[in-house]
């Protein structure tokens, strides 16, 4: 009897010890999963400073230094734009780049923590207090707030935010080439906007109709305006090749500028593909 009781007691103690080890191991496992999930959700985000300019519900300035003009207030930009400090504007080559921005309750109780996608359309040359600074439109700044608290957030004036670069996505909108009013048969300049993907531009090249192989490099005129001063008559239609700044991805708009093109008009790409 004593031997049986001892064996039973030993078995119970062994079971309890085993259960305790398993329970504590499992208990310690789930927080690690949660922490991993939280870390994954924060992947790619970096700190930045943010302010806002223009009217509280507007699109910042009237067009900005990228050259997009009144289109910044219209779809697909829809006033969700930002001026960038030097590290974002990149002397105009950062024009058209898309970023997600967000702020959290640790910055301001009115922050929602939800990301908002904005496009760089302007320069903020004085925004150098942080290495990265967004001078957002009033619309963009307020979009980071909880429902009904946009003005409370704008009243904060300056915020610490998080940002990350994302691909631009303009559903149903093709790349637009707005021909500069000063263009002529020997000189061609165009504003480029609504580029899906990377958005920013490292270089732009032009191919004439009579040249099936050679691309001629264009020069950045200012902002998102690129030019080619050929010195002799150019032969349309033109194909235009866009190379992104960050990844080097290339998009070709084949024959986008037709024969008989006119200054001041906008032409949209029919065929876009990565080369």
Protein backbone atom coordinates (compact mmCIF):
# COMPACT_ATOMS: atom_id res chain seq x y z
CA UNK A 1 0.00 0.00 0.00
CA UNK A 2 2.74 2.48 1.00
CA UNK A 3 4.67 1.66 -2.17
CA UNK A 4 1.56 2.20 -4.32
CA UNK A 5 0.76 5.50 -2.60
CA UNK A 6 4.36 6.64 -3.09
CA UNK A 7 4.23 5.79 -6.79
CA UNK A 8 0.94 7.65 -7.18
CA UNK A 9 2.32 10.72 -5.40
CA UNK A 10 5.45 10.63 -7.58
CA UNK A 11 3.35 10.40 -10.75
CA UNK A 12 1.22 13.36 -9.72
CA UNK A 13 4.29 15.45 -8.93
CA UNK A 14 5.86 14.51 -12.29
CA UNK A 15 2.66 15.47 -14.15
CA UNK A 16 2.43 18.78 -12.30
CA UNK A 17 6.05 19.65 -13.04
CA UNK A 18 5.68 18.72 -16.69
CA UNK A 19 2.45 20.74 -17.04
CA UNK A 20 4.10 23.73 -15.37
CA UNK A 21 7.03 23.67 -17.82
CA UNK A 22 4.71 23.34 -20.83
CA UNK A 23 2.36 26.07 -19.58
CA UNK A 24 5.16 28.54 -18.82
CA UNK A 25 6.82 27.83 -22.17
CA UNK A 26 3.59 28.47 -24.05
CA UNK A 27 2.82 31.49 -21.95
CA UNK A 28 6.19 32.97 -22.81
CA UNK A 29 5.77 32.19 -26.52
CA UNK A 30 2.71 34.26 -27.36
CA UNK A 31 4.13 37.64 -26.29
CA UNK A 32 7.05 36.97 -28.63
CA UNK A 33 4.58 36.43 -31.46
CA UNK A 34 2.84 39.69 -30.60
CA UNK A 35 6.12 41.57 -30.43
CA UNK A 36 7.18 40.11 -33.77
CA UNK A 37 3.87 41.20 -35.29
CA UNK A 38 4.26 44.71 -33.92
CA UNK A 39 7.81 44.90 -35.22
CA UNK A 40 6.65 43.80 -38.66
CA UNK A 41 3.94 46.47 -38.71
CA UNK A 42 6.61 49.13 -38.02
CA UNK A 43 8.97 47.85 -40.73
CA UNK A 44 10.39 50.54 -42.98
CA UNK A 45 9.18 53.54 -40.96
CA UNK A 46 11.60 56.35 -40.10
CA UNK A 47 11.23 59.50 -37.98
CA UNK A 48 10.61 62.94 -39.50
CA UNK A 49 9.31 66.36 -38.60
CA UNK A 50 6.04 67.76 -39.97
CA UNK A 51 4.36 71.14 -40.24
CA UNK A 52 1.60 72.43 -42.51
CA UNK A 53 1.07 75.44 -44.73
CA UNK A 54 -1.63 77.15 -46.77
CA UNK A 55 -5.30 77.04 -45.82
CA UNK A 56 -6.46 74.47 -43.23
CA UNK A 57 -8.33 72.39 -45.80
CA UNK A 58 -6.35 73.38 -48.89
CA UNK A 59 -3.52 72.08 -51.07
CA UNK A 60 -0.66 74.12 -49.62
CA UNK A 61 0.52 76.71 -52.14
CA UNK A 62 -0.90 77.43 -55.58
CA UNK A 63 0.82 74.60 -57.43
CA UNK A 64 4.25 74.59 -55.84
CA UNK A 65 7.77 74.54 -57.23
CA UNK A 66 7.43 71.19 -59.01
CA UNK A 67 5.26 72.86 -61.64
CA UNK A 68 2.04 70.88 -61.23
CA UNK A 69 -0.04 74.03 -60.95
CA UNK A 70 -3.71 73.79 -60.03
CA UNK A 71 -3.74 70.02 -60.52
CA UNK A 72 -2.49 69.59 -56.93
CA UNK A 73 -6.02 70.36 -55.70
CA UNK A 74 -7.68 68.05 -58.23
CA UNK A 75 -7.91 64.24 -58.42
CA UNK A 76 -5.80 62.18 -58.25
CA UNK A 77 -3.67 64.46 -56.01
CA UNK A 78 -6.80 65.75 -54.26
CA UNK A 79 -4.78 68.11 -52.02
CA UNK A 80 -3.00 65.17 -50.35
CA UNK A 81 0.38 66.66 -51.08
CA UNK A 82 3.45 67.98 -49.29
CA UNK A 83 6.37 70.31 -49.72
CA UNK A 84 9.62 68.58 -48.89
CA UNK A 85 12.75 69.69 -47.16
CA UNK A 86 16.01 69.35 -49.15
CA UNK A 87 16.34 65.59 -48.50
CA UNK A 88 12.87 64.99 -49.98
CA UNK A 89 12.72 67.64 -52.71
CA UNK A 90 16.18 66.67 -54.03
CA UNK A 91 16.54 69.80 -56.18
CA UNK A 92 13.30 68.88 -57.94
CA UNK A 93 14.14 65.25 -58.71
CA UNK A 94 12.04 64.21 -55.72
CA UNK A 95 8.94 65.72 -57.34
CA UNK A 96 6.20 63.12 -57.74
CA UNK A 97 7.53 60.73 -55.09
CA UNK A 98 4.90 59.21 -52.80
CA UNK A 99 5.22 58.69 -49.05
CA UNK A 100 3.07 57.35 -46.26
CA UNK A 101 3.04 59.59 -43.18
CA UNK A 102 1.45 59.01 -39.79
CA UNK A 103 1.53 60.30 -36.25
CA UNK A 104 0.64 58.54 -33.02
CA UNK A 105 -0.86 59.52 -29.69
CA UNK A 106 2.65 59.81 -28.25
CA UNK A 107 3.06 62.88 -30.48
CA UNK A 108 -0.43 64.29 -30.01
CA UNK A 109 -3.65 62.87 -28.56
CA UNK A 110 -5.50 63.81 -31.76
CA UNK A 111 -3.33 61.51 -33.90
CA UNK A 112 -5.09 58.49 -35.35
CA UNK A 113 -1.99 56.42 -36.10
CA UNK A 114 -3.38 55.65 -39.57
CA UNK A 115 -1.04 56.26 -42.53
CA UNK A 116 -1.85 58.88 -45.16
CA UNK A 117 -0.27 58.83 -48.63
CA UNK A 118 1.07 62.17 -49.87
CA UNK A 119 2.93 63.29 -53.00
CA UNK A 120 5.90 65.68 -53.06
CA UNK A 121 4.77 68.66 -55.16
CA UNK A 122 6.66 71.60 -53.65
CA UNK A 123 9.91 72.65 -51.99
CA UNK A 124 10.41 73.75 -48.41
CA UNK A 125 13.96 75.17 -48.48
CA UNK A 126 13.84 76.33 -44.86
CA UNK A 127 12.77 72.95 -43.49
CA UNK A 128 16.16 71.84 -42.20
CA UNK A 129 15.60 71.48 -38.45
CA UNK A 130 15.39 67.70 -39.00
CA UNK A 131 17.15 65.59 -41.62
CA UNK A 132 13.72 64.80 -43.10
CA UNK A 133 10.84 67.28 -42.96
CA UNK A 134 7.38 67.33 -44.53
CA UNK A 135 5.58 70.66 -44.83
CA UNK A 136 2.17 69.16 -45.48
CA UNK A 137 -0.90 70.76 -46.96
CA UNK A 138 -3.58 71.54 -44.39
CA UNK A 139 -5.62 68.69 -45.89
CA UNK A 140 -2.78 66.18 -45.51
CA UNK A 141 -1.95 67.26 -41.96
CA UNK A 142 -5.58 67.00 -40.87
CA UNK A 143 -5.92 63.57 -42.52
CA UNK A 144 -3.58 62.13 -39.87
CA UNK A 145 -6.08 63.00 -37.12
CA UNK A 146 -8.80 61.00 -35.45
CA UNK A 147 -12.29 61.60 -36.78
CA UNK A 148 -13.49 65.10 -35.87
CA UNK A 149 -10.11 66.20 -34.50
CA UNK A 150 -8.37 67.53 -37.63
CA UNK A 151 -8.34 71.12 -36.40
CA UNK A 152 -7.07 70.06 -32.97
CA UNK A 153 -4.16 68.36 -34.70
CA UNK A 154 -3.45 71.35 -36.95
CA UNK A 155 -3.38 73.54 -33.83
CA UNK A 156 -0.31 71.58 -32.69
CA UNK A 157 1.69 73.28 -35.43
CA UNK A 158 4.75 71.01 -35.34
CA UNK A 159 4.71 67.24 -35.00
CA UNK A 160 7.11 64.35 -34.86
CA UNK A 161 5.85 61.78 -37.36
CA UNK A 162 6.91 58.56 -39.06
CA UNK A 163 7.23 58.13 -42.81
CA UNK A 164 8.15 55.61 -45.46
CA UNK A 165 8.43 55.77 -49.24
CA UNK A 166 5.75 53.86 -51.15
CA UNK A 167 4.86 53.30 -54.77
CA UNK A 168 2.55 55.83 -56.36
CA UNK A 169 -0.76 54.45 -57.53
CA UNK A 170 -3.10 56.49 -59.74
CA UNK A 171 -5.88 54.07 -60.79
CA UNK A 172 -7.35 54.98 -64.15
CA UNK A 173 -4.88 57.83 -64.67
CA UNK A 174 -2.11 57.61 -67.25
CA UNK A 175 1.14 59.57 -67.23
CA UNK A 176 0.59 63.14 -68.41
CA UNK A 177 3.01 65.24 -70.46
CA UNK A 178 2.06 68.92 -70.41
CA UNK A 179 4.00 70.71 -73.17
CA UNK A 180 5.65 73.94 -72.05
CA UNK A 181 4.36 77.05 -73.79
CA UNK A 182 7.87 77.97 -74.89
CA UNK A 183 8.38 74.78 -76.89
CA UNK A 184 9.02 75.03 -80.64
CA UNK A 185 10.27 72.79 -83.48
CA UNK A 186 13.88 73.00 -82.17
CA UNK A 187 13.17 73.11 -78.43
CA UNK A 188 10.93 70.74 -76.49
CA UNK A 189 10.03 70.96 -72.80
CA UNK A 190 7.39 69.07 -70.85
CA UNK A 191 6.01 68.79 -67.35
CA UNK A 192 5.68 65.12 -66.30
CA UNK A 193 3.09 63.99 -63.76
CA UNK A 194 1.09 60.96 -62.52
CA UNK A 195 3.89 58.43 -62.89
CA UNK A 196 2.82 55.17 -61.26
CA UNK A 197 5.48 53.30 -59.33
CA UNK A 198 8.50 55.15 -57.97
CA UNK A 199 7.21 58.60 -58.96
CA UNK A 200 10.53 60.44 -58.82
CA UNK A 201 12.84 60.89 -61.82
CA UNK A 202 16.59 60.51 -62.18
CA UNK A 203 16.61 61.06 -65.94
CA UNK A 204 14.35 61.54 -68.95
CA UNK A 205 15.22 60.64 -72.56
CA UNK A 206 13.49 61.38 -75.86
CA UNK A 207 13.44 59.35 -79.07
CA UNK A 208 12.44 60.91 -82.38
CA UNK A 209 10.25 59.20 -84.95
CA UNK A 210 13.03 58.90 -87.52
CA UNK A 211 15.45 57.34 -85.02
CA UNK A 212 14.50 53.84 -83.92
CA UNK A 213 17.57 53.23 -81.77
CA UNK A 214 18.96 56.41 -80.26
CA UNK A 215 17.67 58.08 -77.09
CA UNK A 216 18.58 61.73 -76.53
CA UNK A 217 19.00 62.77 -72.88
CA UNK A 218 16.83 65.63 -71.71
CA UNK A 219 17.91 68.10 -69.03
CA UNK A 220 15.94 68.98 -65.94
CA UNK A 221 14.71 72.54 -66.44
CA UNK A 222 13.10 73.01 -63.02
CA UNK A 223 10.93 70.89 -60.74
CA UNK A 224 9.24 68.18 -62.82
CA UNK A 225 9.85 70.04 -66.12
CA UNK A 226 12.39 68.46 -68.49
CA UNK A 227 13.74 69.97 -71.73
CA UNK A 228 15.69 69.14 -74.90
CA UNK A 229 17.34 71.99 -76.82
CA UNK A 230 18.17 70.10 -80.01
CA UNK A 231 19.52 73.00 -82.06
CA UNK A 232 17.82 71.54 -85.13
CA UNK A 233 14.28 70.57 -86.03
CA UNK A 234 12.87 67.68 -84.01
CA UNK A 235 10.79 65.04 -85.76
CA UNK A 236 7.64 63.84 -83.99
CA UNK A 237 6.08 61.59 -82.84
CA UNK A 238 8.26 61.37 -79.74
CA UNK A 239 8.69 58.48 -77.34
CA UNK A 240 9.78 59.39 -73.83
CA UNK A 241 11.72 57.19 -71.41
CA UNK A 242 11.55 57.84 -67.67
CA UNK A 243 14.14 56.45 -65.25
CA UNK A 244 13.35 56.56 -61.53
CA UNK A 245 15.70 58.07 -59.00
CA UNK A 246 15.59 55.45 -56.25
CA UNK A 247 15.38 52.12 -58.07
CA UNK A 248 16.46 52.86 -61.62
CA UNK A 249 13.24 51.35 -62.98
CA UNK A 250 12.45 52.52 -66.51
CA UNK A 251 9.10 53.29 -68.12
CA UNK A 252 8.69 54.02 -71.82
CA UNK A 253 5.76 56.05 -73.15
CA UNK A 254 5.94 55.02 -76.80
CA UNK A 255 4.84 57.64 -79.34
CA UNK A 256 3.16 59.66 -76.62
CA UNK A 257 3.81 63.07 -78.27
CA UNK A 258 2.12 62.97 -81.71
CA UNK A 259 3.11 64.62 -84.95
CA UNK A 260 1.54 68.08 -84.99
CA UNK A 261 1.89 68.51 -81.21
CA UNK A 262 1.16 71.98 -79.83
CA UNK A 263 2.65 74.00 -76.95
CA UNK A 264 0.33 74.25 -73.95
CA UNK A 265 -1.44 70.96 -74.63
CA UNK A 266 -1.33 67.82 -72.49
CA UNK A 267 -0.74 64.38 -73.96
CA UNK A 268 -1.20 61.11 -72.10
CA UNK A 269 0.67 57.89 -72.65
CA UNK A 270 -1.13 55.09 -74.48
CA UNK A 271 1.48 52.38 -74.02
CA UNK A 272 3.63 52.23 -70.88
CA UNK A 273 6.00 49.42 -70.11
CA UNK A 274 9.16 48.80 -68.14
CA UNK A 275 12.22 48.49 -70.35
